[in-house]
Amino acid sequence: QVQLVESGGGLVQPGGSLRLSCAPSGSTLDSTAIGWFRQAPGKRREGVACIGHSGDITHYLDSVEGRFTISRDNAKNTVWLQMDSLRPEDTAVYYCASNKTPGSSCTRIPAWYDYWGQGTQVTVSS
């Protein structure tokens, strides 16, 4: 069982930035795709970004394209989500997830992922 731990959430003003981190506890991420998801109160969980195991493949939600950047360093066993130009509508709990099958591709579909973290709250407000 893979345990993922997210960190880096918090309160930020509109236009500000945050950097979320995702790291496993007791395992490695180097062979698996990772996705970042978010869920706001009363809304469905949506895929924000994903990255393949080597970092060559990434996909983004249209509304965050150009503002968010997903990256990974397999040597550090960490995946990041850099979030710039944050908007109030980005407010949500953010989760990272991993797929247990090694592969280079990724998807923003939640059902494709096997392991999930507990989430970190991001609040964008003045």
N, C-alpha and C. Protein backbone atom coordinates (compact mmCIF):
# COMPACT_ATOMS: atom_id res chain seq x y z
N GLN A 1 0.84 -1.18 0.00
CA GLN A 1 0.00 0.00 0.00
C GLN A 1 0.89 1.25 0.00
N VAL A 2 0.66 2.12 -0.96
CA VAL A 2 1.42 3.36 -1.06
C VAL A 2 0.69 4.46 -0.30
N GLN A 3 1.41 5.16 0.54
CA GLN A 3 0.84 6.31 1.24
C GLN A 3 1.46 7.57 0.68
N LEU A 4 0.63 8.48 0.22
CA LEU A 4 1.09 9.74 -0.35
C LEU A 4 0.81 10.87 0.63
N VAL A 5 1.73 11.80 0.70
CA VAL A 5 1.60 12.92 1.62
C VAL A 5 1.74 14.22 0.84
N GLU A 6 0.71 15.05 0.89
CA GLU A 6 0.75 16.36 0.26
C GLU A 6 1.14 17.42 1.29
N SER A 7 1.78 18.47 0.83
CA SER A 7 2.10 19.60 1.68
C SER A 7 2.19 20.86 0.84
N GLY A 8 2.16 22.00 1.50
CA GLY A 8 2.34 23.27 0.81
C GLY A 8 1.10 24.11 0.64
N GLY A 9 -0.04 23.60 1.07
CA GLY A 9 -1.25 24.38 0.95
C GLY A 9 -1.29 25.55 1.93
N GLY A 10 -2.30 26.39 1.78
CA GLY A 10 -2.43 27.53 2.68
C GLY A 10 -3.36 28.58 2.13
N LEU A 11 -3.30 29.75 2.75
CA LEU A 11 -4.11 30.89 2.34
C LEU A 11 -3.23 31.85 1.56
N VAL A 12 -3.71 32.26 0.40
CA VAL A 12 -2.96 33.18 -0.44
C VAL A 12 -3.92 34.17 -1.09
N GLN A 13 -3.43 35.36 -1.36
CA GLN A 13 -4.27 36.37 -2.02
C GLN A 13 -4.36 36.10 -3.51
N PRO A 14 -5.42 36.57 -4.14
CA PRO A 14 -5.53 36.42 -5.60
C PRO A 14 -4.29 36.99 -6.29
N GLY A 15 -3.81 36.25 -7.28
CA GLY A 15 -2.59 36.63 -7.98
C GLY A 15 -1.33 36.06 -7.36
N GLY A 16 -1.46 35.46 -6.19
CA GLY A 16 -0.31 34.89 -5.50
C GLY A 16 0.06 33.51 -6.01
N SER A 17 1.04 32.92 -5.33
CA SER A 17 1.56 31.61 -5.74
C SER A 17 1.67 30.67 -4.55
N LEU A 18 1.56 29.41 -4.84
CA LEU A 18 1.82 28.35 -3.88
C LEU A 18 2.49 27.20 -4.61
N ARG A 19 3.27 26.43 -3.87
CA ARG A 19 3.91 25.23 -4.44
C ARG A 19 3.53 24.03 -3.58
N LEU A 20 2.80 23.12 -4.18
CA LEU A 20 2.41 21.91 -3.48
C LEU A 20 3.42 20.80 -3.74
N SER A 21 3.62 19.97 -2.74
CA SER A 21 4.52 18.83 -2.88
C SER A 21 3.76 17.54 -2.59
N CYS A 22 4.20 16.48 -3.25
CA CYS A 22 3.61 15.15 -3.05
C CYS A 22 4.77 14.17 -2.94
N ALA A 23 4.80 13.45 -1.84
CA ALA A 23 5.86 12.47 -1.63
C ALA A 23 5.27 11.22 -1.00
N PRO A 24 5.80 10.06 -1.33
CA PRO A 24 5.29 8.84 -0.74
C PRO A 24 5.95 8.53 0.60
N SER A 25 5.26 7.78 1.39
CA SER A 25 5.82 7.30 2.65
C SER A 25 6.11 5.82 2.52
N GLY A 26 7.39 5.45 2.54
CA GLY A 26 7.74 4.05 2.49
C GLY A 26 7.77 3.42 1.12
N SER A 27 7.79 4.23 0.06
CA SER A 27 7.84 3.66 -1.29
C SER A 27 8.46 4.70 -2.22
N THR A 28 8.53 4.35 -3.50
CA THR A 28 9.09 5.28 -4.47
C THR A 28 8.06 5.60 -5.54
N LEU A 29 8.24 6.76 -6.18
CA LEU A 29 7.32 7.19 -7.23
C LEU A 29 7.92 7.08 -8.62
N ASP A 30 9.17 6.62 -8.74
CA ASP A 30 9.89 6.82 -9.99
C ASP A 30 9.32 6.07 -11.18
N SER A 31 8.49 5.07 -10.98
CA SER A 31 7.99 4.31 -12.13
C SER A 31 6.51 4.58 -12.42
N THR A 32 5.92 5.49 -11.69
CA THR A 32 4.47 5.66 -11.83
C THR A 32 4.09 7.08 -12.23
N ALA A 33 2.93 7.17 -12.88
CA ALA A 33 2.37 8.47 -13.17
C ALA A 33 1.75 9.07 -11.91
N ILE A 34 1.74 10.39 -11.85
CA ILE A 34 1.17 11.10 -10.71
C ILE A 34 0.18 12.12 -11.21
N GLY A 35 -0.92 12.22 -10.53
CA GLY A 35 -1.92 13.24 -10.86
C GLY A 35 -2.19 14.14 -9.67
N TRP A 36 -2.50 15.39 -9.97
CA TRP A 36 -2.99 16.33 -8.96
C TRP A 36 -4.46 16.59 -9.25
N PHE A 37 -5.26 16.53 -8.20
CA PHE A 37 -6.69 16.73 -8.31
C PHE A 37 -7.14 17.75 -7.27
N ARG A 38 -8.32 18.27 -7.47
CA ARG A 38 -8.87 19.19 -6.47
C ARG A 38 -10.37 18.99 -6.36
N GLN A 39 -10.86 19.31 -5.18
CA GLN A 39 -12.30 19.21 -4.95
C GLN A 39 -12.74 20.36 -4.06
N ALA A 40 -13.64 21.15 -4.60
CA ALA A 40 -14.23 22.24 -3.85
C ALA A 40 -15.55 21.78 -3.23
N PRO A 41 -16.00 22.42 -2.18
CA PRO A 41 -17.27 22.02 -1.55
C PRO A 41 -18.42 21.98 -2.54
N GLY A 42 -19.13 20.87 -2.56
CA GLY A 42 -20.28 20.73 -3.43
C GLY A 42 -19.97 20.45 -4.89
N LYS A 43 -18.69 20.27 -5.20
CA LYS A 43 -18.30 20.01 -6.59
C LYS A 43 -17.61 18.65 -6.71
N ARG A 44 -17.57 18.18 -7.93
CA ARG A 44 -16.91 16.90 -8.20
C ARG A 44 -15.39 17.09 -8.18
N ARG A 45 -14.69 16.01 -7.87
CA ARG A 45 -13.24 16.04 -7.93
C ARG A 45 -12.81 16.15 -9.38
N GLU A 46 -11.88 17.06 -9.67
CA GLU A 46 -11.43 17.25 -11.05
C GLU A 46 -9.92 17.14 -11.13
N GLY A 47 -9.47 16.62 -12.26
CA GLY A 47 -8.04 16.47 -12.49
C GLY A 47 -7.42 17.79 -12.92
N VAL A 48 -6.45 18.25 -12.17
CA VAL A 48 -5.80 19.52 -12.45
C VAL A 48 -4.62 19.34 -13.40
N ALA A 49 -3.80 18.33 -13.12
CA ALA A 49 -2.62 18.08 -13.93
C ALA A 49 -2.13 16.66 -13.67
N CYS A 50 -1.38 16.14 -14.61
CA CYS A 50 -0.76 14.83 -14.40
C CYS A 50 0.59 14.82 -15.10
N ILE A 51 1.44 13.87 -14.67
CA ILE A 51 2.78 13.76 -15.23
C ILE A 51 3.16 12.30 -15.33
N GLY A 52 3.73 11.90 -16.45
CA GLY A 52 4.19 10.54 -16.63
C GLY A 52 5.42 10.25 -15.79
N HIS A 53 5.82 8.99 -15.74
CA HIS A 53 6.87 8.60 -14.80
C HIS A 53 8.21 9.26 -15.08
N SER A 54 8.51 9.59 -16.33
CA SER A 54 9.78 10.22 -16.65
C SER A 54 9.70 11.74 -16.67
N GLY A 55 8.50 12.26 -16.60
CA GLY A 55 8.32 13.71 -16.66
C GLY A 55 8.15 14.26 -18.06
N ASP A 56 8.22 13.39 -19.09
CA ASP A 56 8.12 13.87 -20.47
C ASP A 56 6.69 14.20 -20.87
N ILE A 57 5.74 13.57 -20.25
CA ILE A 57 4.33 13.77 -20.61
C ILE A 57 3.61 14.47 -19.47
N THR A 58 2.93 15.56 -19.80
CA THR A 58 2.10 16.27 -18.84
C THR A 58 0.79 16.66 -19.51
N HIS A 59 -0.25 16.76 -18.70
CA HIS A 59 -1.55 17.23 -19.18
C HIS A 59 -2.13 18.16 -18.13
N TYR A 60 -2.87 19.18 -18.59
CA TYR A 60 -3.42 20.17 -17.68
C TYR A 60 -4.89 20.41 -17.95
N LEU A 61 -5.59 20.76 -16.90
CA LEU A 61 -6.96 21.26 -17.02
C LEU A 61 -6.88 22.61 -17.76
N ASP A 62 -7.82 22.85 -18.65
CA ASP A 62 -7.76 24.06 -19.46
C ASP A 62 -7.66 25.33 -18.62
N SER A 63 -8.39 25.36 -17.52
CA SER A 63 -8.46 26.59 -16.73
C SER A 63 -7.17 26.88 -15.95
N VAL A 64 -6.25 25.92 -15.88
CA VAL A 64 -4.99 26.16 -15.17
C VAL A 64 -3.80 26.18 -16.13
N GLU A 65 -4.02 25.85 -17.39
CA GLU A 65 -2.95 25.85 -18.38
C GLU A 65 -2.28 27.22 -18.42
N GLY A 66 -0.95 27.23 -18.32
CA GLY A 66 -0.22 28.49 -18.33
C GLY A 66 -0.05 29.12 -16.96
N ARG A 67 -0.80 28.64 -15.97
CA ARG A 67 -0.68 29.16 -14.60
C ARG A 67 -0.07 28.14 -13.65
N PHE A 68 -0.37 26.87 -13.87
CA PHE A 68 0.13 25.79 -13.03
C PHE A 68 1.19 25.00 -13.79
N THR A 69 2.17 24.48 -13.06
CA THR A 69 3.20 23.64 -13.66
C THR A 69 3.43 22.43 -12.77
N ILE A 70 3.30 21.25 -13.37
CA ILE A 70 3.59 20.02 -12.64
C ILE A 70 5.00 19.57 -13.02
N SER A 71 5.74 19.09 -12.04
CA SER A 71 7.10 18.63 -12.29
C SER A 71 7.45 17.54 -11.28
N ARG A 72 8.53 16.84 -11.55
CA ARG A 72 8.94 15.79 -10.64
C ARG A 72 10.45 15.65 -10.66
N ASP A 73 10.98 15.15 -9.56
CA ASP A 73 12.38 14.79 -9.45
C ASP A 73 12.40 13.40 -8.83
N ASN A 74 12.62 12.40 -9.65
CA ASN A 74 12.57 11.02 -9.15
C ASN A 74 13.69 10.72 -8.16
N ALA A 75 14.79 11.42 -8.30
CA ALA A 75 15.89 11.22 -7.34
C ALA A 75 15.48 11.71 -5.95
N LYS A 76 14.62 12.74 -5.90
CA LYS A 76 14.12 13.26 -4.63
C LYS A 76 12.78 12.63 -4.26
N ASN A 77 12.27 11.76 -5.15
CA ASN A 77 11.02 11.06 -4.86
C ASN A 77 9.87 12.03 -4.56
N THR A 78 9.80 13.10 -5.34
CA THR A 78 8.82 14.15 -5.08
C THR A 78 8.24 14.68 -6.38
N VAL A 79 6.96 15.00 -6.33
CA VAL A 79 6.26 15.66 -7.43
C VAL A 79 5.73 16.98 -6.89
N TRP A 80 5.85 18.02 -7.69
CA TRP A 80 5.39 19.35 -7.28
C TRP A 80 4.28 19.86 -8.21
N LEU A 81 3.48 20.74 -7.66
CA LEU A 81 2.53 21.50 -8.46
C LEU A 81 2.75 22.97 -8.12
N GLN A 82 3.40 23.68 -9.04
CA GLN A 82 3.62 25.11 -8.87
C GLN A 82 2.38 25.84 -9.38
N MET A 83 1.79 26.64 -8.51
CA MET A 83 0.55 27.33 -8.85
C MET A 83 0.78 28.83 -8.78
N ASP A 84 0.70 29.49 -9.92
CA ASP A 84 0.89 30.93 -10.02
C ASP A 84 -0.40 31.60 -10.46
N SER A 85 -0.46 32.91 -10.29
CA SER A 85 -1.64 33.69 -10.68
C SER A 85 -2.92 33.06 -10.16
N LEU A 86 -2.91 32.71 -8.90
CA LEU A 86 -4.05 32.01 -8.31
C LEU A 86 -5.29 32.88 -8.28
N ARG A 87 -6.42 32.22 -8.45
CA ARG A 87 -7.73 32.88 -8.48
C ARG A 87 -8.61 32.31 -7.37
N PRO A 88 -9.61 33.05 -6.95
CA PRO A 88 -10.52 32.52 -5.92
C PRO A 88 -11.14 31.18 -6.32
N GLU A 89 -11.40 30.98 -7.60
CA GLU A 89 -12.00 29.72 -8.05
C GLU A 89 -11.03 28.53 -7.98
N ASP A 90 -9.77 28.78 -7.65
CA ASP A 90 -8.82 27.68 -7.43
C ASP A 90 -8.92 27.12 -6.02
N THR A 91 -9.71 27.76 -5.18
CA THR A 91 -9.88 27.31 -3.81
C THR A 91 -10.49 25.91 -3.77
N ALA A 92 -9.80 25.01 -3.08
CA ALA A 92 -10.24 23.61 -3.01
C ALA A 92 -9.26 22.84 -2.13
N VAL A 93 -9.62 21.59 -1.85
CA VAL A 93 -8.66 20.65 -1.28
C VAL A 93 -7.95 20.00 -2.46
N TYR A 94 -6.63 19.99 -2.42
CA TYR A 94 -5.84 19.43 -3.49
C TYR A 94 -5.25 18.09 -3.05
N TYR A 95 -5.37 17.12 -3.94
CA TYR A 95 -4.90 15.77 -3.67
C TYR A 95 -3.89 15.33 -4.73
N CYS A 96 -2.93 14.53 -4.35
CA CYS A 96 -2.11 13.85 -5.34
C CYS A 96 -2.47 12.37 -5.31
N ALA A 97 -2.25 11.73 -6.44
CA ALA A 97 -2.60 10.32 -6.57
C ALA A 97 -1.58 9.64 -7.48
N SER A 98 -1.40 8.35 -7.27
CA SER A 98 -0.47 7.59 -8.10
C SER A 98 -1.15 6.36 -8.66
N ASN A 99 -0.63 5.92 -9.80
CA ASN A 99 -1.12 4.72 -10.45
C ASN A 99 -0.14 3.59 -10.19
N LYS A 100 -0.60 2.40 -9.81
CA LYS A 100 0.30 1.33 -9.41
C LYS A 100 0.95 0.63 -10.59
N THR A 101 0.48 0.89 -11.81
CA THR A 101 1.05 0.23 -12.98
C THR A 101 2.12 1.14 -13.60
N PRO A 102 3.36 0.67 -13.69
CA PRO A 102 4.41 1.51 -14.28
C PRO A 102 4.07 1.88 -15.72
N GLY A 103 4.38 3.13 -16.07
CA GLY A 103 4.09 3.55 -17.44
C GLY A 103 4.45 5.00 -17.63
N SER A 104 4.56 5.39 -18.88
CA SER A 104 4.99 6.74 -19.20
C SER A 104 3.85 7.72 -19.41
N SER A 105 2.64 7.22 -19.60
CA SER A 105 1.52 8.12 -19.87
C SER A 105 0.84 8.51 -18.57
N CYS A 106 -0.13 9.43 -18.68
CA CYS A 106 -0.92 9.81 -17.52
C CYS A 106 -2.27 10.32 -18.00
N THR A 107 -3.18 10.45 -17.07
CA THR A 107 -4.51 10.93 -17.38
C THR A 107 -5.02 11.74 -16.21
N ARG A 108 -5.99 12.60 -16.44
CA ARG A 108 -6.60 13.39 -15.36
C ARG A 108 -7.90 12.77 -14.88
N ILE A 109 -8.11 11.51 -15.20
CA ILE A 109 -9.32 10.81 -14.77
C ILE A 109 -9.10 10.18 -13.40
N PRO A 110 -9.85 10.57 -12.39
CA PRO A 110 -9.61 10.06 -11.02
C PRO A 110 -9.63 8.53 -10.92
N ALA A 111 -10.53 7.87 -11.66
CA ALA A 111 -10.69 6.42 -11.52
C ALA A 111 -9.46 5.65 -11.98
N TRP A 112 -8.57 6.31 -12.68
CA TRP A 112 -7.37 5.64 -13.21
C TRP A 112 -6.32 5.43 -12.13
N TYR A 113 -6.46 6.16 -11.01
CA TYR A 113 -5.45 6.16 -9.97
C TYR A 113 -5.83 5.23 -8.82
N ASP A 114 -4.78 4.65 -8.22
CA ASP A 114 -4.99 3.63 -7.20
C ASP A 114 -4.76 4.14 -5.78
N TYR A 115 -3.84 5.07 -5.62
CA TYR A 115 -3.47 5.53 -4.28
C TYR A 115 -3.63 7.03 -4.19
N TRP A 116 -4.14 7.48 -3.06
CA TRP A 116 -4.44 8.89 -2.87
C TRP A 116 -3.89 9.41 -1.54
N GLY A 117 -3.51 10.67 -1.55
CA GLY A 117 -3.13 11.31 -0.31
C GLY A 117 -4.35 11.85 0.41
N GLN A 118 -4.12 12.47 1.57
CA GLN A 118 -5.21 12.98 2.40
C GLN A 118 -5.65 14.38 1.98
N GLY A 119 -4.85 15.04 1.19
CA GLY A 119 -5.23 16.35 0.68
C GLY A 119 -4.65 17.49 1.49
N THR A 120 -4.52 18.64 0.82
CA THR A 120 -4.06 19.87 1.46
C THR A 120 -4.95 21.01 0.99
N GLN A 121 -5.37 21.85 1.92
CA GLN A 121 -6.31 22.92 1.60
C GLN A 121 -5.58 24.10 0.97
N VAL A 122 -6.15 24.58 -0.14
CA VAL A 122 -5.68 25.81 -0.78
C VAL A 122 -6.84 26.79 -0.78
N THR A 123 -6.62 27.95 -0.20
CA THR A 123 -7.64 28.98 -0.15
C THR A 123 -7.09 30.26 -0.77
N VAL A 124 -7.78 30.75 -1.78
CA VAL A 124 -7.38 31.98 -2.47
C VAL A 124 -8.42 33.05 -2.14
N SER A 125 -8.02 34.00 -1.35
CA SER A 125 -8.97 35.01 -0.89
C SER A 125 -8.22 36.26 -0.45
N SER A 126 -8.88 37.40 -0.65
CA SER A 126 -8.30 38.66 -0.18
C SER A 126 -8.83 39.01 1.21
